[in-house]
Amino acid sequence: MALARTNFPGLIVNGGSIMPGCHQGKPTTIFDVYDAQARVRIGQVYDG
């Protein structure tokens, strides 16, 4: 946003994807989060 406001060209360098975390001894990635969200939507998991 700052580069857009100053009207200068710029380059954004991404450092790569996020390293997996660990929950209760099991590796957890962003895909696990997406899968859980999908299960809640179709009613397989209660979110309340």
PDB file of N, CA and C in Angstrom:
ATOM      1  N   MET A   1       0.817  -1.185   0.000  1.00  0.00           N
ATOM      2  CA  MET A   1       0.000   0.000   0.000  1.00  0.00           C
ATOM      3  C   MET A   1       0.866   1.255   0.000  1.00  0.00           C
ATOM      4  N   ALA A   2       1.957   1.227   0.725  1.00  0.00           N
ATOM      5  CA  ALA A   2       2.801   2.419   0.796  1.00  0.00           C
ATOM      6  C   ALA A   2       3.377   2.750  -0.575  1.00  0.00           C
ATOM      7  N   LEU A   3       3.808   1.733  -1.325  1.00  0.00           N
ATOM      8  CA  LEU A   3       4.349   1.996  -2.658  1.00  0.00           C
ATOM      9  C   LEU A   3       3.279   2.543  -3.588  1.00  0.00           C
ATOM     10  N   ALA A   4       2.072   2.058  -3.482  1.00  0.00           N
ATOM     11  CA  ALA A   4       0.988   2.557  -4.324  1.00  0.00           C
ATOM     12  C   ALA A   4       0.704   4.020  -4.023  1.00  0.00           C
ATOM     13  N   ARG A   5       0.789   4.405  -2.796  1.00  0.00           N
ATOM     14  CA  ARG A   5       0.506   5.786  -2.413  1.00  0.00           C
ATOM     15  C   ARG A   5       1.600   6.748  -2.863  1.00  0.00           C
ATOM     16  N   THR A   6       2.848   6.269  -2.938  1.00  0.00           N
ATOM     17  CA  THR A   6       3.943   7.147  -3.341  1.00  0.00           C
ATOM     18  C   THR A   6       4.175   7.119  -4.842  1.00  0.00           C
ATOM     19  N   ASN A   7       3.458   6.238  -5.545  1.00  0.00           N
ATOM     20  CA  ASN A   7       3.547   6.132  -7.004  1.00  0.00           C
ATOM     21  C   ASN A   7       4.947   5.717  -7.467  1.00  0.00           C
ATOM     22  N   PHE A   8       5.598   4.833  -6.719  1.00  0.00           N
ATOM     23  CA  PHE A   8       6.887   4.272  -7.106  1.00  0.00           C
ATOM     24  C   PHE A   8       6.706   2.790  -7.409  1.00  0.00           C
ATOM     25  N   PRO A   9       7.450   2.276  -8.398  1.00  0.00           N
ATOM     26  CA  PRO A   9       7.367   0.833  -8.651  1.00  0.00           C
ATOM     27  C   PRO A   9       8.011   0.063  -7.503  1.00  0.00           C
ATOM     28  N   GLY A  10       7.558  -1.152  -7.307  1.00  0.00           N
ATOM     29  CA  GLY A  10       8.103  -1.942  -6.217  1.00  0.00           C
ATOM     30  C   GLY A  10       8.018  -3.425  -6.511  1.00  0.00           C
ATOM     31  N   LEU A  11       8.638  -4.203  -5.662  1.00  0.00           N
ATOM     32  CA  LEU A  11       8.659  -5.656  -5.799  1.00  0.00           C
ATOM     33  C   LEU A  11       8.368  -6.268  -4.434  1.00  0.00           C
ATOM     34  N   ILE A  12       7.456  -7.221  -4.411  1.00  0.00           N
ATOM     35  CA  ILE A  12       7.141  -7.935  -3.176  1.00  0.00           C
ATOM     36  C   ILE A  12       7.732  -9.335  -3.281  1.00  0.00           C
ATOM     37  N   VAL A  13       8.537  -9.715  -2.310  1.00  0.00           N
ATOM     38  CA  VAL A  13       9.163 -11.034  -2.301  1.00  0.00           C
ATOM     39  C   VAL A  13       8.526 -11.854  -1.186  1.00  0.00           C
ATOM     40  N   ASN A  14       7.926 -12.961  -1.568  1.00  0.00           N
ATOM     41  CA  ASN A  14       7.300 -13.858  -0.610  1.00  0.00           C
ATOM     42  C   ASN A  14       8.345 -14.843  -0.103  1.00  0.00           C
ATOM     43  N   GLY A  15       8.352 -15.074   1.187  1.00  0.00           N
ATOM     44  CA  GLY A  15       9.311 -15.992   1.781  1.00  0.00           C
ATOM     45  C   GLY A  15       8.911 -17.449   1.683  1.00  0.00           C
ATOM     46  N   GLY A  16       7.769 -17.739   1.080  1.00  0.00           N
ATOM     47  CA  GLY A  16       7.319 -19.121   0.944  1.00  0.00           C
ATOM     48  C   GLY A  16       6.119 -19.393   1.825  1.00  0.00           C
ATOM     49  N   SER A  17       5.691 -20.614   1.833  1.00  0.00           N
ATOM     50  CA  SER A  17       4.517 -20.972   2.622  1.00  0.00           C
ATOM     51  C   SER A  17       4.873 -21.105   4.102  1.00  0.00           C
ATOM     52  N   ILE A  18       3.857 -21.124   4.916  1.00  0.00           N
ATOM     53  CA  ILE A  18       4.036 -21.222   6.361  1.00  0.00           C
ATOM     54  C   ILE A  18       4.407 -22.662   6.725  1.00  0.00           C
ATOM     55  N   MET A  19       5.343 -22.792   7.620  1.00  0.00           N
ATOM     56  CA  MET A  19       5.728 -24.122   8.104  1.00  0.00           C
ATOM     57  C   MET A  19       4.566 -24.732   8.887  1.00  0.00           C
ATOM     58  N   PRO A  20       4.387 -26.049   8.816  1.00  0.00           N
ATOM     59  CA  PRO A  20       3.299 -26.664   9.565  1.00  0.00           C
ATOM     60  C   PRO A  20       3.514 -26.529  11.069  1.00  0.00           C
ATOM     61  N   GLY A  21       2.402 -26.433  11.770  1.00  0.00           N
ATOM     62  CA  GLY A  21       2.460 -26.392  13.226  1.00  0.00           C
ATOM     63  C   GLY A  21       2.237 -27.781  13.794  1.00  0.00           C
ATOM     64  N   CYS A  22       1.982 -27.858  15.084  1.00  0.00           N
ATOM     65  CA  CYS A  22       1.768 -29.129  15.745  1.00  0.00           C
ATOM     66  C   CYS A  22       0.649 -28.959  16.763  1.00  0.00           C
ATOM     67  N   HIS A  23      -0.345 -29.844  16.719  1.00  0.00           N
ATOM     68  CA  HIS A  23      -1.442 -29.826  17.680  1.00  0.00           C
ATOM     69  C   HIS A  23      -1.639 -31.228  18.225  1.00  0.00           C
ATOM     70  N   GLN A  24      -1.456 -31.377  19.517  1.00  0.00           N
ATOM     71  CA  GLN A  24      -1.576 -32.665  20.203  1.00  0.00           C
ATOM     72  C   GLN A  24      -0.700 -33.734  19.541  1.00  0.00           C
ATOM     73  N   GLY A  25       0.533 -33.325  19.178  1.00  0.00           N
ATOM     74  CA  GLY A  25       1.492 -34.260  18.613  1.00  0.00           C
ATOM     75  C   GLY A  25       1.310 -34.566  17.140  1.00  0.00           C
ATOM     76  N   LYS A  26       0.332 -33.934  16.485  1.00  0.00           N
ATOM     77  CA  LYS A  26       0.071 -34.192  15.073  1.00  0.00           C
ATOM     78  C   LYS A  26       0.390 -32.942  14.262  1.00  0.00           C
ATOM     79  N   PRO A  27       1.151 -33.081  13.155  1.00  0.00           N
ATOM     80  CA  PRO A  27       1.436 -31.915  12.316  1.00  0.00           C
ATOM     81  C   PRO A  27       0.133 -31.325  11.763  1.00  0.00           C
ATOM     82  N   THR A  28       0.038 -30.004  11.782  1.00  0.00           N
ATOM     83  CA  THR A  28      -1.161 -29.314  11.321  1.00  0.00           C
ATOM     84  C   THR A  28      -0.763 -28.255  10.300  1.00  0.00           C
ATOM     85  N   THR A  29      -1.411 -28.290   9.133  1.00  0.00           N
ATOM     86  CA  THR A  29      -1.129 -27.318   8.083  1.00  0.00           C
ATOM     87  C   THR A  29      -2.386 -26.505   7.803  1.00  0.00           C
ATOM     88  N   ILE A  30      -2.270 -25.549   6.915  1.00  0.00           N
ATOM     89  CA  ILE A  30      -3.418 -24.724   6.538  1.00  0.00           C
ATOM     90  C   ILE A  30      -4.494 -25.581   5.874  1.00  0.00           C
ATOM     91  N   PHE A  31      -4.104 -26.669   5.232  1.00  0.00           N
ATOM     92  CA  PHE A  31      -5.082 -27.547   4.602  1.00  0.00           C
ATOM     93  C   PHE A  31      -5.985 -28.212   5.641  1.00  0.00           C
ATOM     94  N   ASP A  32      -5.450 -28.494   6.819  1.00  0.00           N
ATOM     95  CA  ASP A  32      -6.272 -29.047   7.898  1.00  0.00           C
ATOM     96  C   ASP A  32      -7.342 -28.042   8.321  1.00  0.00           C
ATOM     97  N   VAL A  33      -6.979 -26.779   8.319  1.00  0.00           N
ATOM     98  CA  VAL A  33      -7.944 -25.737   8.670  1.00  0.00           C
ATOM     99  C   VAL A  33      -9.051 -25.675   7.619  1.00  0.00           C
ATOM    100  N   TYR A  34      -8.682 -25.705   6.336  1.00  0.00           N
ATOM    101  CA  TYR A  34      -9.678 -25.683   5.265  1.00  0.00           C
ATOM    102  C   TYR A  34     -10.593 -26.901   5.343  1.00  0.00           C
ATOM    103  N   ASP A  35     -10.016 -28.065   5.612  1.00  0.00           N
ATOM    104  CA  ASP A  35     -10.822 -29.283   5.726  1.00  0.00           C
ATOM    105  C   ASP A  35     -11.803 -29.188   6.889  1.00  0.00           C
ATOM    106  N   ALA A  36     -11.357 -28.665   8.019  1.00  0.00           N
ATOM    107  CA  ALA A  36     -12.237 -28.523   9.177  1.00  0.00           C
ATOM    108  C   ALA A  36     -13.373 -27.557   8.880  1.00  0.00           C
ATOM    109  N   GLN A  37     -13.071 -26.473   8.201  1.00  0.00           N
ATOM    110  CA  GLN A  37     -14.103 -25.499   7.845  1.00  0.00           C
ATOM    111  C   GLN A  37     -15.138 -26.139   6.921  1.00  0.00           C
ATOM    112  N   ALA A  38     -14.697 -26.944   5.984  1.00  0.00           N
ATOM    113  CA  ALA A  38     -15.616 -27.634   5.077  1.00  0.00           C
ATOM    114  C   ALA A  38     -16.498 -28.621   5.838  1.00  0.00           C
ATOM    115  N   ARG A  39     -15.917 -29.346   6.810  1.00  0.00           N
ATOM    116  CA  ARG A  39     -16.709 -30.301   7.592  1.00  0.00           C
ATOM    117  C   ARG A  39     -17.783 -29.590   8.415  1.00  0.00           C
ATOM    118  N   VAL A  40     -17.461 -28.408   8.930  1.00  0.00           N
ATOM    119  CA  VAL A  40     -18.452 -27.632   9.694  1.00  0.00           C
ATOM    120  C   VAL A  40     -19.586 -27.218   8.753  1.00  0.00           C
ATOM    121  N   ARG A  41     -19.234 -26.766   7.566  1.00  0.00           N
ATOM    122  CA  ARG A  41     -20.257 -26.303   6.607  1.00  0.00           C
ATOM    123  C   ARG A  41     -21.233 -27.393   6.222  1.00  0.00           C
ATOM    124  N   ILE A  42     -20.745 -28.617   6.049  1.00  0.00           N
ATOM    125  CA  ILE A  42     -21.652 -29.680   5.628  1.00  0.00           C
ATOM    126  C   ILE A  42     -22.292 -30.396   6.804  1.00  0.00           C
ATOM    127  N   GLY A  43     -21.972 -29.940   8.026  1.00  0.00           N
ATOM    128  CA  GLY A  43     -22.643 -30.464   9.207  1.00  0.00           C
ATOM    129  C   GLY A  43     -21.994 -31.663   9.859  1.00  0.00           C
ATOM    130  N   GLN A  44     -20.789 -32.016   9.481  1.00  0.00           N
ATOM    131  CA  GLN A  44     -20.119 -33.162  10.098  1.00  0.00           C
ATOM    132  C   GLN A  44     -19.542 -32.809  11.459  1.00  0.00           C
ATOM    133  N   VAL A  45     -19.293 -31.514  11.693  1.00  0.00           N
ATOM    134  CA  VAL A  45     -18.707 -31.051  12.965  1.00  0.00           C
ATOM    135  C   VAL A  45     -19.546 -29.898  13.465  1.00  0.00           C
ATOM    136  N   TYR A  46     -19.836 -29.898  14.756  1.00  0.00           N
ATOM    137  CA  TYR A  46     -20.597 -28.810  15.366  1.00  0.00           C
ATOM    138  C   TYR A  46     -19.641 -27.700  15.757  1.00  0.00           C
ATOM    139  N   ASP A  47     -19.937 -26.458  15.375  1.00  0.00           N
ATOM    140  CA  ASP A  47     -19.022 -25.351  15.644  1.00  0.00           C
ATOM    141  C   ASP A  47     -19.438 -24.493  16.827  1.00  0.00           C
ATOM    142  N   GLY A  48     -20.453 -24.871  17.559  1.00  0.00           N
ATOM    143  CA  GLY A  48     -20.951 -24.015  18.618  1.00  0.00           C
ATOM    144  C   GLY A  48     -20.469 -24.421  19.945  1.00  0.00           C
TER     145      GLY A  48
END
